[in-house]
Amino acid sequence: MIEIIAGWIANYGYPAVFAAALLENLFPPIPSELVFPLVGFSAQTNDLGMAGAIGMAIVGAVGSTVGAIIIYFIALKIGLPTITRIGKRYHLLSESDLKKTETWFVRHGELAVFLGRMAPGIRELISIPAGIAEMNIVRFTFFTFIGSCIWSLFLTLVGFFIGDAWIRFYGNYSQVFDIAGITLILVIIAIVAIKYYKGRQK
């Protein structure tokens, strides 16, 4: 996979970066932790300089944002009605429970989206609760883009300065990143649950 993505970026430049960033949102097996360091490494080896690396990172952030918006609208279209139907059918959730969850995300959703775009294992998923909660699309897009920009710039510059050392490191420890991402998701779920149940007790 590394050779394919690296060759794609080297041959097609900015359009390839945009497409790779978009696809890594829609297909998690293509991780940003691999894509953007390759972007930086490609910029360095092809003598594009720091400006070229930063430009590619920003184009990648745009691609990531477009991918996130696609997931947002899918969740907006099918998320809440499906969850409500399943919840009622199996007596798992009531409409009031779902409304409280929506309200909580609307209150804290901007921070969740911003930080989520920089968290491995979460960045591809954070669009789902945003869509279900019908978060304002302009705010969602803004915070998604800002978070994606920071993340893509960081990883691209890592690739630019460290090069294939990062690629080897990620290849050896990719499972650790996955476990860390899953752990972070569980922590967020626990925090949401605690806030939710405290709210019900009041």
N, C-alpha and C. Protein backbone atom coordinates (compact mmCIF):
# COMPACT_ATOMS: atom_id res chain seq x y z
N MET A 1 0.83 -1.21 0.00
CA MET A 1 0.00 0.00 0.00
C MET A 1 0.86 1.26 0.00
N ILE A 2 1.97 1.24 0.76
CA ILE A 2 2.84 2.40 0.86
C ILE A 2 3.38 2.80 -0.52
N GLU A 3 3.84 1.79 -1.28
CA GLU A 3 4.40 2.06 -2.60
C GLU A 3 3.35 2.63 -3.55
N ILE A 4 2.12 2.10 -3.46
CA ILE A 4 1.04 2.56 -4.34
C ILE A 4 0.71 4.02 -4.07
N ILE A 5 0.51 4.36 -2.77
CA ILE A 5 0.15 5.73 -2.40
C ILE A 5 1.29 6.69 -2.73
N ALA A 6 2.53 6.28 -2.43
CA ALA A 6 3.69 7.14 -2.71
C ALA A 6 3.83 7.40 -4.21
N GLY A 7 3.65 6.36 -5.03
CA GLY A 7 3.74 6.53 -6.47
C GLY A 7 2.63 7.41 -7.01
N TRP A 8 1.45 7.24 -6.46
CA TRP A 8 0.29 8.04 -6.86
C TRP A 8 0.55 9.52 -6.60
N ILE A 9 1.05 9.82 -5.38
CA ILE A 9 1.32 11.21 -5.01
C ILE A 9 2.45 11.80 -5.86
N ALA A 10 3.51 11.00 -6.09
CA ALA A 10 4.65 11.49 -6.87
C ALA A 10 4.25 11.77 -8.32
N ASN A 11 3.37 10.96 -8.88
CA ASN A 11 3.00 11.10 -10.30
C ASN A 11 1.93 12.15 -10.55
N TYR A 12 0.98 12.30 -9.61
CA TYR A 12 -0.18 13.16 -9.88
C TYR A 12 -0.27 14.39 -8.97
N GLY A 13 0.61 14.50 -7.98
CA GLY A 13 0.68 15.70 -7.17
C GLY A 13 -0.57 16.05 -6.40
N TYR A 14 -0.98 17.32 -6.52
CA TYR A 14 -2.09 17.85 -5.72
C TYR A 14 -3.40 17.07 -5.88
N PRO A 15 -3.81 16.73 -7.11
CA PRO A 15 -5.06 15.95 -7.24
C PRO A 15 -4.99 14.61 -6.50
N ALA A 16 -3.81 13.98 -6.51
CA ALA A 16 -3.65 12.70 -5.81
C ALA A 16 -3.75 12.90 -4.30
N VAL A 17 -3.19 13.99 -3.80
CA VAL A 17 -3.26 14.29 -2.37
C VAL A 17 -4.72 14.51 -1.95
N PHE A 18 -5.45 15.29 -2.75
CA PHE A 18 -6.86 15.53 -2.48
C PHE A 18 -7.64 14.22 -2.45
N ALA A 19 -7.43 13.38 -3.46
CA ALA A 19 -8.16 12.11 -3.56
C ALA A 19 -7.80 11.17 -2.42
N ALA A 20 -6.50 11.08 -2.09
CA ALA A 20 -6.07 10.19 -1.00
C ALA A 20 -6.65 10.63 0.33
N ALA A 21 -6.67 11.95 0.57
CA ALA A 21 -7.22 12.48 1.82
C ALA A 21 -8.72 12.24 1.91
N LEU A 22 -9.41 12.40 0.79
CA LEU A 22 -10.85 12.13 0.76
C LEU A 22 -11.13 10.66 1.05
N LEU A 23 -10.37 9.78 0.40
CA LEU A 23 -10.59 8.34 0.54
C LEU A 23 -10.24 7.84 1.93
N GLU A 24 -9.25 8.47 2.60
CA GLU A 24 -8.90 7.98 3.93
C GLU A 24 -10.00 8.25 4.94
N ASN A 25 -10.90 9.19 4.62
CA ASN A 25 -12.07 9.40 5.47
C ASN A 25 -13.14 8.35 5.22
N LEU A 26 -13.28 7.96 3.96
CA LEU A 26 -14.34 7.02 3.59
C LEU A 26 -13.92 5.57 3.76
N PHE A 27 -12.62 5.31 3.68
CA PHE A 27 -12.10 3.94 3.80
C PHE A 27 -10.98 3.93 4.84
N PRO A 28 -11.31 3.65 6.12
CA PRO A 28 -10.32 3.68 7.20
C PRO A 28 -9.05 2.86 6.97
N PRO A 29 -9.07 1.78 6.13
CA PRO A 29 -7.80 1.08 5.89
C PRO A 29 -6.72 1.95 5.27
N ILE A 30 -7.11 3.14 4.74
CA ILE A 30 -6.12 4.09 4.23
C ILE A 30 -5.95 5.17 5.30
N PRO A 31 -5.01 5.04 6.23
CA PRO A 31 -4.93 5.96 7.38
C PRO A 31 -4.19 7.25 7.05
N SER A 32 -4.65 8.35 7.67
CA SER A 32 -3.99 9.64 7.47
C SER A 32 -2.57 9.62 8.03
N GLU A 33 -2.34 8.78 9.06
CA GLU A 33 -1.01 8.69 9.66
C GLU A 33 0.02 8.15 8.67
N LEU A 34 -0.47 7.56 7.60
CA LEU A 34 0.41 7.07 6.53
C LEU A 34 0.40 8.01 5.33
N VAL A 35 -0.79 8.51 4.98
CA VAL A 35 -0.94 9.34 3.77
C VAL A 35 -0.13 10.63 3.87
N PHE A 36 -0.33 11.40 4.94
CA PHE A 36 0.28 12.73 4.99
C PHE A 36 1.80 12.72 5.18
N PRO A 37 2.36 11.80 5.97
CA PRO A 37 3.83 11.73 5.97
C PRO A 37 4.40 11.40 4.59
N LEU A 38 3.67 10.58 3.82
CA LEU A 38 4.10 10.29 2.45
C LEU A 38 4.04 11.55 1.58
N VAL A 39 3.03 12.38 1.85
CA VAL A 39 2.92 13.66 1.13
C VAL A 39 4.15 14.52 1.41
N GLY A 40 4.51 14.65 2.70
CA GLY A 40 5.68 15.44 3.07
C GLY A 40 6.97 14.86 2.51
N PHE A 41 7.09 13.54 2.57
CA PHE A 41 8.28 12.86 2.04
C PHE A 41 8.40 13.08 0.54
N SER A 42 7.26 13.02 -0.16
CA SER A 42 7.24 13.24 -1.61
C SER A 42 7.64 14.67 -1.94
N ALA A 43 7.14 15.63 -1.16
CA ALA A 43 7.50 17.04 -1.38
C ALA A 43 9.00 17.25 -1.19
N GLN A 44 9.57 16.57 -0.20
CA GLN A 44 11.00 16.72 0.09
C GLN A 44 11.86 16.08 -1.00
N THR A 45 11.50 14.88 -1.42
CA THR A 45 12.31 14.16 -2.41
C THR A 45 12.17 14.74 -3.82
N ASN A 46 11.06 15.45 -4.08
CA ASN A 46 10.85 16.05 -5.40
C ASN A 46 11.20 17.54 -5.42
N ASP A 47 11.91 17.98 -4.37
CA ASP A 47 12.41 19.36 -4.28
C ASP A 47 11.31 20.41 -4.39
N LEU A 48 10.16 20.12 -3.78
CA LEU A 48 9.07 21.10 -3.78
C LEU A 48 9.22 22.11 -2.65
N GLY A 49 10.09 21.81 -1.69
CA GLY A 49 10.34 22.73 -0.60
C GLY A 49 9.23 22.76 0.43
N MET A 50 9.45 23.58 1.46
CA MET A 50 8.48 23.71 2.55
C MET A 50 7.14 24.24 2.04
N ALA A 51 7.18 25.21 1.14
CA ALA A 51 5.94 25.79 0.60
C ALA A 51 5.12 24.73 -0.11
N GLY A 52 5.78 23.87 -0.88
CA GLY A 52 5.07 22.79 -1.57
C GLY A 52 4.45 21.81 -0.60
N ALA A 53 5.19 21.48 0.48
CA ALA A 53 4.67 20.56 1.49
C ALA A 53 3.44 21.14 2.18
N ILE A 54 3.52 22.43 2.54
CA ILE A 54 2.38 23.08 3.21
C ILE A 54 1.19 23.16 2.26
N GLY A 55 1.45 23.50 0.99
CA GLY A 55 0.36 23.56 0.01
C GLY A 55 -0.33 22.22 -0.15
N MET A 56 0.44 21.15 -0.21
CA MET A 56 -0.14 19.81 -0.32
C MET A 56 -0.94 19.45 0.93
N ALA A 57 -0.43 19.86 2.10
CA ALA A 57 -1.14 19.58 3.35
C ALA A 57 -2.50 20.27 3.38
N ILE A 58 -2.54 21.52 2.91
CA ILE A 58 -3.81 22.26 2.89
C ILE A 58 -4.79 21.63 1.90
N VAL A 59 -4.28 21.23 0.73
CA VAL A 59 -5.13 20.53 -0.25
C VAL A 59 -5.66 19.24 0.37
N GLY A 60 -4.79 18.54 1.11
CA GLY A 60 -5.23 17.33 1.79
C GLY A 60 -6.30 17.60 2.83
N ALA A 61 -6.16 18.72 3.55
CA ALA A 61 -7.18 19.09 4.54
C ALA A 61 -8.52 19.35 3.87
N VAL A 62 -8.48 19.96 2.68
CA VAL A 62 -9.72 20.17 1.92
C VAL A 62 -10.34 18.83 1.55
N GLY A 63 -9.51 17.89 1.07
CA GLY A 63 -10.01 16.56 0.73
C GLY A 63 -10.61 15.85 1.93
N SER A 64 -9.93 15.96 3.08
CA SER A 64 -10.44 15.35 4.32
C SER A 64 -11.78 15.95 4.71
N THR A 65 -11.89 17.26 4.54
CA THR A 65 -13.14 17.95 4.90
C THR A 65 -14.28 17.50 3.99
N VAL A 66 -14.01 17.37 2.70
CA VAL A 66 -15.04 16.90 1.77
C VAL A 66 -15.49 15.49 2.15
N GLY A 67 -14.54 14.62 2.48
CA GLY A 67 -14.89 13.26 2.91
C GLY A 67 -15.73 13.27 4.17
N ALA A 68 -15.37 14.14 5.12
CA ALA A 68 -16.12 14.24 6.38
C ALA A 68 -17.55 14.74 6.12
N ILE A 69 -17.69 15.68 5.19
CA ILE A 69 -19.03 16.21 4.87
C ILE A 69 -19.90 15.12 4.24
N ILE A 70 -19.31 14.28 3.41
CA ILE A 70 -20.07 13.16 2.82
C ILE A 70 -20.61 12.25 3.91
N ILE A 71 -19.75 11.90 4.89
CA ILE A 71 -20.18 11.05 5.99
C ILE A 71 -21.25 11.75 6.82
N TYR A 72 -21.06 13.06 7.05
CA TYR A 72 -22.04 13.86 7.80
C TYR A 72 -23.43 13.75 7.17
N PHE A 73 -23.50 13.93 5.85
CA PHE A 73 -24.81 13.90 5.19
C PHE A 73 -25.41 12.50 5.15
N ILE A 74 -24.57 11.48 5.08
CA ILE A 74 -25.08 10.11 5.15
C ILE A 74 -25.72 9.88 6.52
N ALA A 75 -25.01 10.30 7.59
CA ALA A 75 -25.54 10.15 8.94
C ALA A 75 -26.80 11.00 9.13
N LEU A 76 -26.79 12.20 8.56
CA LEU A 76 -27.95 13.09 8.64
C LEU A 76 -29.17 12.46 7.97
N LYS A 77 -28.92 11.78 6.86
CA LYS A 77 -30.02 11.20 6.08
C LYS A 77 -30.59 9.94 6.73
N ILE A 78 -29.73 9.04 7.19
CA ILE A 78 -30.23 7.74 7.65
C ILE A 78 -29.97 7.47 9.13
N GLY A 79 -29.16 8.33 9.79
CA GLY A 79 -28.74 8.02 11.16
C GLY A 79 -29.83 8.01 12.19
N LEU A 80 -30.39 9.17 12.48
CA LEU A 80 -31.33 9.29 13.58
C LEU A 80 -32.60 8.47 13.40
N PRO A 81 -33.26 8.50 12.23
CA PRO A 81 -34.46 7.66 12.08
C PRO A 81 -34.18 6.18 12.29
N THR A 82 -33.04 5.71 11.79
CA THR A 82 -32.68 4.30 11.95
C THR A 82 -32.45 3.97 13.41
N ILE A 83 -31.69 4.82 14.10
CA ILE A 83 -31.41 4.59 15.52
C ILE A 83 -32.68 4.65 16.34
N THR A 84 -33.55 5.61 16.03
CA THR A 84 -34.82 5.72 16.76
C THR A 84 -35.66 4.47 16.57
N ARG A 85 -35.72 3.98 15.33
CA ARG A 85 -36.51 2.79 15.04
C ARG A 85 -35.97 1.56 15.78
N ILE A 86 -34.66 1.39 15.75
CA ILE A 86 -34.05 0.25 16.45
C ILE A 86 -34.25 0.39 17.96
N GLY A 87 -34.07 1.62 18.47
CA GLY A 87 -34.23 1.85 19.91
C GLY A 87 -35.62 1.53 20.40
N LYS A 88 -36.63 1.94 19.62
CA LYS A 88 -38.02 1.65 20.01
C LYS A 88 -38.32 0.16 19.90
N ARG A 89 -37.82 -0.44 18.85
CA ARG A 89 -38.13 -1.85 18.60
C ARG A 89 -37.59 -2.75 19.71
N TYR A 90 -36.37 -2.47 20.15
CA TYR A 90 -35.74 -3.33 21.15
C TYR A 90 -35.73 -2.70 22.55
N HIS A 91 -36.48 -1.60 22.71
CA HIS A 91 -36.61 -0.93 24.01
C HIS A 91 -35.25 -0.53 24.58
N LEU A 92 -34.37 -0.08 23.70
CA LEU A 92 -33.03 0.32 24.13
C LEU A 92 -32.96 1.81 24.44
N LEU A 93 -33.68 2.61 23.64
CA LEU A 93 -33.65 4.06 23.80
C LEU A 93 -35.04 4.63 23.58
N SER A 94 -35.34 5.67 24.34
CA SER A 94 -36.59 6.39 24.11
C SER A 94 -36.28 7.64 23.30
N GLU A 95 -37.32 8.27 22.78
CA GLU A 95 -37.10 9.50 22.01
C GLU A 95 -36.50 10.58 22.89
N SER A 96 -36.91 10.63 24.17
CA SER A 96 -36.37 11.65 25.08
C SER A 96 -34.87 11.42 25.31
N ASP A 97 -34.46 10.14 25.39
CA ASP A 97 -33.03 9.84 25.54
C ASP A 97 -32.24 10.37 24.34
N LEU A 98 -32.77 10.12 23.15
CA LEU A 98 -32.09 10.56 21.94
C LEU A 98 -32.03 12.08 21.85
N LYS A 99 -33.12 12.74 22.27
CA LYS A 99 -33.15 14.20 22.23
C LYS A 99 -32.11 14.79 23.18
N LYS A 100 -31.97 14.17 24.38
CA LYS A 100 -30.98 14.66 25.34
C LYS A 100 -29.57 14.49 24.79
N THR A 101 -29.34 13.36 24.11
CA THR A 101 -28.03 13.11 23.51
C THR A 101 -27.74 14.14 22.42
N GLU A 102 -28.76 14.42 21.60
CA GLU A 102 -28.61 15.43 20.55
C GLU A 102 -28.27 16.79 21.15
N THR A 103 -29.00 17.15 22.23
CA THR A 103 -28.79 18.45 22.87
C THR A 103 -27.37 18.57 23.39
N TRP A 104 -26.87 17.48 24.01
CA TRP A 104 -25.50 17.50 24.54
C TRP A 104 -24.50 17.70 23.41
N PHE A 105 -24.69 17.01 22.29
CA PHE A 105 -23.73 17.14 21.20
C PHE A 105 -23.80 18.53 20.59
N VAL A 106 -25.00 19.10 20.50
CA VAL A 106 -25.14 20.45 19.95
C VAL A 106 -24.36 21.44 20.81
N ARG A 107 -24.38 21.24 22.15
CA ARG A 107 -23.68 22.13 23.06
C ARG A 107 -22.16 21.98 22.96
N HIS A 108 -21.69 20.74 22.87
CA HIS A 108 -20.26 20.47 22.92
C HIS A 108 -19.70 19.98 21.59
N GLY A 109 -20.54 19.98 20.56
CA GLY A 109 -20.15 19.37 19.30
C GLY A 109 -18.99 20.03 18.60
N GLU A 110 -18.87 21.36 18.70
CA GLU A 110 -17.80 22.07 18.01
C GLU A 110 -16.44 21.61 18.52
N LEU A 111 -16.28 21.54 19.84
CA LEU A 111 -15.02 21.09 20.43
C LEU A 111 -14.77 19.62 20.09
N ALA A 112 -15.84 18.81 20.13
CA ALA A 112 -15.71 17.39 19.82
C ALA A 112 -15.24 17.19 18.38
N VAL A 113 -15.81 17.95 17.45
CA VAL A 113 -15.42 17.84 16.04
C VAL A 113 -13.98 18.31 15.84
N PHE A 114 -13.64 19.46 16.43
CA PHE A 114 -12.30 20.02 16.28
C PHE A 114 -11.23 19.06 16.79
N LEU A 115 -11.40 18.55 18.02
CA LEU A 115 -10.42 17.64 18.59
C LEU A 115 -10.46 16.27 17.92
N GLY A 116 -11.68 15.85 17.54
CA GLY A 116 -11.83 14.55 16.91
C GLY A 116 -11.09 14.44 15.59
N ARG A 117 -10.96 15.56 14.87
CA ARG A 117 -10.26 15.53 13.59
C ARG A 117 -8.75 15.34 13.75
N MET A 118 -8.28 15.41 14.99
CA MET A 118 -6.85 15.21 15.24
C MET A 118 -6.58 13.95 16.05
N ALA A 119 -7.58 13.09 16.18
CA ALA A 119 -7.45 11.88 17.00
C ALA A 119 -7.48 10.64 16.12
N PRO A 120 -6.39 9.87 16.08
CA PRO A 120 -6.40 8.63 15.29
C PRO A 120 -7.52 7.69 15.75
N GLY A 121 -8.21 7.11 14.77
CA GLY A 121 -9.30 6.19 15.09
C GLY A 121 -10.63 6.87 15.31
N ILE A 122 -10.61 8.20 15.53
CA ILE A 122 -11.85 8.95 15.77
C ILE A 122 -12.16 9.88 14.61
N ARG A 123 -11.12 10.39 13.96
CA ARG A 123 -11.31 11.44 12.95
C ARG A 123 -12.27 11.01 11.84
N GLU A 124 -12.29 9.72 11.51
CA GLU A 124 -13.19 9.24 10.47
C GLU A 124 -14.62 9.06 10.99
N LEU A 125 -14.78 8.96 12.33
CA LEU A 125 -16.08 8.64 12.91
C LEU A 125 -16.83 9.84 13.46
N ILE A 126 -16.12 10.93 13.76
CA ILE A 126 -16.74 12.05 14.46
C ILE A 126 -17.85 12.71 13.64
N SER A 127 -17.81 12.52 12.32
CA SER A 127 -18.86 13.10 11.46
C SER A 127 -20.21 12.43 11.70
N ILE A 128 -20.20 11.19 12.19
CA ILE A 128 -21.46 10.46 12.36
C ILE A 128 -22.35 11.08 13.43
N PRO A 129 -21.85 11.28 14.69
CA PRO A 129 -22.72 11.94 15.67
C PRO A 129 -23.06 13.37 15.29
N ALA A 130 -22.15 14.04 14.56
CA ALA A 130 -22.45 15.40 14.11
C ALA A 130 -23.63 15.41 13.15
N GLY A 131 -23.67 14.45 12.24
CA GLY A 131 -24.78 14.34 11.30
C GLY A 131 -26.07 13.95 11.99
N ILE A 132 -25.98 12.99 12.90
CA ILE A 132 -27.17 12.53 13.63
C ILE A 132 -27.76 13.67 14.44
N ALA A 133 -26.88 14.47 15.07
CA ALA A 133 -27.34 15.59 15.90
C ALA A 133 -27.73 16.82 15.08
N GLU A 134 -27.60 16.72 13.75
CA GLU A 134 -27.92 17.82 12.84
C GLU A 134 -27.15 19.09 13.21
N MET A 135 -25.88 18.91 13.51
CA MET A 135 -25.02 20.06 13.81
C MET A 135 -25.02 21.02 12.63
N ASN A 136 -24.97 22.30 12.92
CA ASN A 136 -24.95 23.31 11.86
C ASN A 136 -23.84 23.01 10.87
N ILE A 137 -24.18 22.90 9.60
CA ILE A 137 -23.22 22.44 8.58
C ILE A 137 -22.07 23.41 8.40
N VAL A 138 -22.34 24.71 8.53
CA VAL A 138 -21.27 25.71 8.38
C VAL A 138 -20.25 25.56 9.51
N ARG A 139 -20.75 25.43 10.74
CA ARG A 139 -19.85 25.25 11.89
C ARG A 139 -19.11 23.92 11.79
N PHE A 140 -19.85 22.88 11.39
CA PHE A 140 -19.22 21.57 11.24
C PHE A 140 -18.08 21.63 10.24
N THR A 141 -18.33 22.26 9.09
CA THR A 141 -17.32 22.37 8.05
C THR A 141 -16.12 23.18 8.53
N PHE A 142 -16.39 24.29 9.23
CA PHE A 142 -15.31 25.15 9.72
C PHE A 142 -14.40 24.41 10.69
N PHE A 143 -14.99 23.79 11.72
CA PHE A 143 -14.18 23.11 12.74
C PHE A 143 -13.53 21.84 12.19
N THR A 144 -14.19 21.20 11.24
CA THR A 144 -13.58 20.04 10.58
C THR A 144 -12.35 20.47 9.79
N PHE A 145 -12.47 21.56 9.05
CA PHE A 145 -11.35 22.03 8.23
C PHE A 145 -10.18 22.48 9.09
N ILE A 146 -10.47 23.24 10.17
CA ILE A 146 -9.39 23.73 11.04
C ILE A 146 -8.66 22.55 11.69
N GLY A 147 -9.43 21.60 12.24
CA GLY A 147 -8.81 20.42 12.85
C GLY A 147 -8.03 19.60 11.85
N SER A 148 -8.60 19.44 10.65
CA SER A 148 -7.92 18.68 9.59
C SER A 148 -6.65 19.37 9.14
N CYS A 149 -6.67 20.70 9.07
CA CYS A 149 -5.49 21.47 8.67
C CYS A 149 -4.34 21.25 9.64
N ILE A 150 -4.64 21.36 10.92
CA ILE A 150 -3.60 21.18 11.94
C ILE A 150 -3.01 19.78 11.85
N TRP A 151 -3.89 18.78 11.74
CA TRP A 151 -3.45 17.38 11.69
C TRP A 151 -2.63 17.10 10.43
N SER A 152 -3.13 17.55 9.29
CA SER A 152 -2.43 17.26 8.03
C SER A 152 -1.09 18.00 7.96
N LEU A 153 -1.05 19.25 8.45
CA LEU A 153 0.21 20.00 8.47
C LEU A 153 1.24 19.32 9.36
N PHE A 154 0.80 18.88 10.53
CA PHE A 154 1.71 18.21 11.46
C PHE A 154 2.30 16.95 10.82
N LEU A 155 1.44 16.09 10.29
CA LEU A 155 1.92 14.83 9.72
C LEU A 155 2.75 15.05 8.45
N THR A 156 2.35 16.04 7.65
CA THR A 156 3.10 16.33 6.42
C THR A 156 4.51 16.82 6.75
N LEU A 157 4.62 17.68 7.76
CA LEU A 157 5.94 18.18 8.15
C LEU A 157 6.79 17.09 8.79
N VAL A 158 6.13 16.17 9.50
CA VAL A 158 6.85 15.01 10.03
C VAL A 158 7.48 14.24 8.87
N GLY A 159 6.68 13.99 7.83
CA GLY A 159 7.19 13.30 6.65
C GLY A 159 8.27 14.08 5.92
N PHE A 160 8.12 15.40 5.90
CA PHE A 160 9.09 16.26 5.20
C PHE A 160 10.46 16.22 5.88
N PHE A 161 10.46 16.26 7.22
CA PHE A 161 11.72 16.34 7.95
C PHE A 161 12.30 14.97 8.33
N ILE A 162 11.42 14.02 8.62
CA ILE A 162 11.90 12.71 9.08
C ILE A 162 11.92 11.69 7.95
N GLY A 163 10.98 11.83 7.00
CA GLY A 163 10.95 10.96 5.83
C GLY A 163 10.60 9.52 6.14
N ASP A 164 11.36 8.60 5.56
CA ASP A 164 10.98 7.19 5.66
C ASP A 164 11.15 6.62 7.06
N ALA A 165 11.80 7.35 7.98
CA ALA A 165 11.90 6.88 9.37
C ALA A 165 10.52 6.79 9.99
N TRP A 166 9.65 7.79 9.69
CA TRP A 166 8.28 7.74 10.21
C TRP A 166 7.50 6.60 9.59
N ILE A 167 7.68 6.39 8.30
CA ILE A 167 6.96 5.33 7.60
C ILE A 167 7.30 3.97 8.20
N ARG A 168 8.60 3.77 8.49
CA ARG A 168 9.01 2.52 9.14
C ARG A 168 8.43 2.42 10.54
N PHE A 169 8.46 3.54 11.27
CA PHE A 169 7.91 3.58 12.63
C PHE A 169 6.43 3.24 12.62
N TYR A 170 5.68 3.88 11.71
CA TYR A 170 4.24 3.63 11.66
C TYR A 170 3.96 2.18 11.27
N GLY A 171 4.74 1.65 10.35
CA GLY A 171 4.56 0.25 9.95
C GLY A 171 4.74 -0.70 11.11
N ASN A 172 5.67 -0.36 12.02
CA ASN A 172 5.93 -1.23 13.18
C ASN A 172 4.90 -1.06 14.29
N TYR A 173 4.34 0.15 14.41
CA TYR A 173 3.48 0.44 15.56
C TYR A 173 2.07 0.86 15.18
N SER A 174 1.63 0.52 13.98
CA SER A 174 0.28 0.91 13.55
C SER A 174 -0.79 0.34 14.47
N GLN A 175 -0.58 -0.88 14.99
CA GLN A 175 -1.57 -1.48 15.89
C GLN A 175 -1.69 -0.69 17.18
N VAL A 176 -0.57 -0.11 17.64
CA VAL A 176 -0.60 0.71 18.85
C VAL A 176 -1.48 1.94 18.62
N PHE A 177 -1.35 2.56 17.44
CA PHE A 177 -2.20 3.71 17.10
C PHE A 177 -3.67 3.31 17.10
N ASP A 178 -3.97 2.14 16.54
CA ASP A 178 -5.36 1.67 16.49
C ASP A 178 -5.91 1.46 17.90
N ILE A 179 -5.12 0.83 18.77
CA ILE A 179 -5.55 0.58 20.15
C ILE A 179 -5.75 1.90 20.89
N ALA A 180 -4.83 2.85 20.67
CA ALA A 180 -4.95 4.17 21.31
C ALA A 180 -6.23 4.87 20.86
N GLY A 181 -6.54 4.76 19.57
CA GLY A 181 -7.77 5.38 19.04
C GLY A 181 -9.01 4.77 19.65
N ILE A 182 -9.05 3.44 19.73
CA ILE A 182 -10.20 2.75 20.32
C ILE A 182 -10.35 3.13 21.79
N THR A 183 -9.21 3.20 22.51
CA THR A 183 -9.24 3.58 23.93
C THR A 183 -9.82 4.98 24.09
N LEU A 184 -9.40 5.89 23.21
CA LEU A 184 -9.90 7.26 23.28
C LEU A 184 -11.39 7.32 23.03
N ILE A 185 -11.88 6.52 22.08
CA ILE A 185 -13.32 6.45 21.82
C ILE A 185 -14.07 6.00 23.07
N LEU A 186 -13.55 4.96 23.75
CA LEU A 186 -14.18 4.44 24.96
C LEU A 186 -14.19 5.49 26.07
N VAL A 187 -13.11 6.27 26.17
CA VAL A 187 -13.06 7.34 27.18
C VAL A 187 -14.12 8.39 26.89
N ILE A 188 -14.25 8.78 25.62
CA ILE A 188 -15.27 9.77 25.24
C ILE A 188 -16.67 9.26 25.55
N ILE A 189 -16.93 7.98 25.23
CA ILE A 189 -18.23 7.38 25.53
C ILE A 189 -18.50 7.42 27.03
N ALA A 190 -17.47 7.11 27.84
CA ALA A 190 -17.62 7.13 29.30
C ALA A 190 -17.95 8.53 29.80
N ILE A 191 -17.26 9.54 29.24
CA ILE A 191 -17.52 10.93 29.65
C ILE A 191 -18.94 11.34 29.29
N VAL A 192 -19.36 10.99 28.07
CA VAL A 192 -20.73 11.30 27.64
C VAL A 192 -21.74 10.63 28.56
N ALA A 193 -21.51 9.36 28.89
CA ALA A 193 -22.43 8.61 29.75
C ALA A 193 -22.53 9.24 31.13
N ILE A 194 -21.38 9.64 31.70
CA ILE A 194 -21.37 10.26 33.04
C ILE A 194 -22.15 11.56 33.02
N LYS A 195 -21.88 12.41 32.01
CA LYS A 195 -22.60 13.68 31.90
C LYS A 195 -24.10 13.45 31.73
N TYR A 196 -24.44 12.45 30.93
CA TYR A 196 -25.84 12.16 30.64
C TYR A 196 -26.57 11.72 31.91
N TYR A 197 -25.99 10.78 32.64
CA TYR A 197 -26.66 10.26 33.84
C TYR A 197 -26.70 11.28 34.96
N LYS A 198 -25.68 12.14 35.04
CA LYS A 198 -25.73 13.22 36.02
C LYS A 198 -26.86 14.18 35.70
N GLY A 199 -27.06 14.44 34.39
CA GLY A 199 -28.15 15.30 33.96
C GLY A 199 -29.51 14.71 34.29
N ARG A 200 -29.64 13.40 34.20
CA ARG A 200 -30.92 12.75 34.50
C ARG A 200 -31.22 12.78 35.98
N GLN A 201 -30.18 12.76 36.81
CA GLN A 201 -30.39 12.74 38.26
C GLN A 201 -30.83 14.10 38.78
N LYS A 202 -30.54 15.18 38.02
CA LYS A 202 -30.87 16.53 38.49
C LYS A 202 -32.33 16.82 38.34
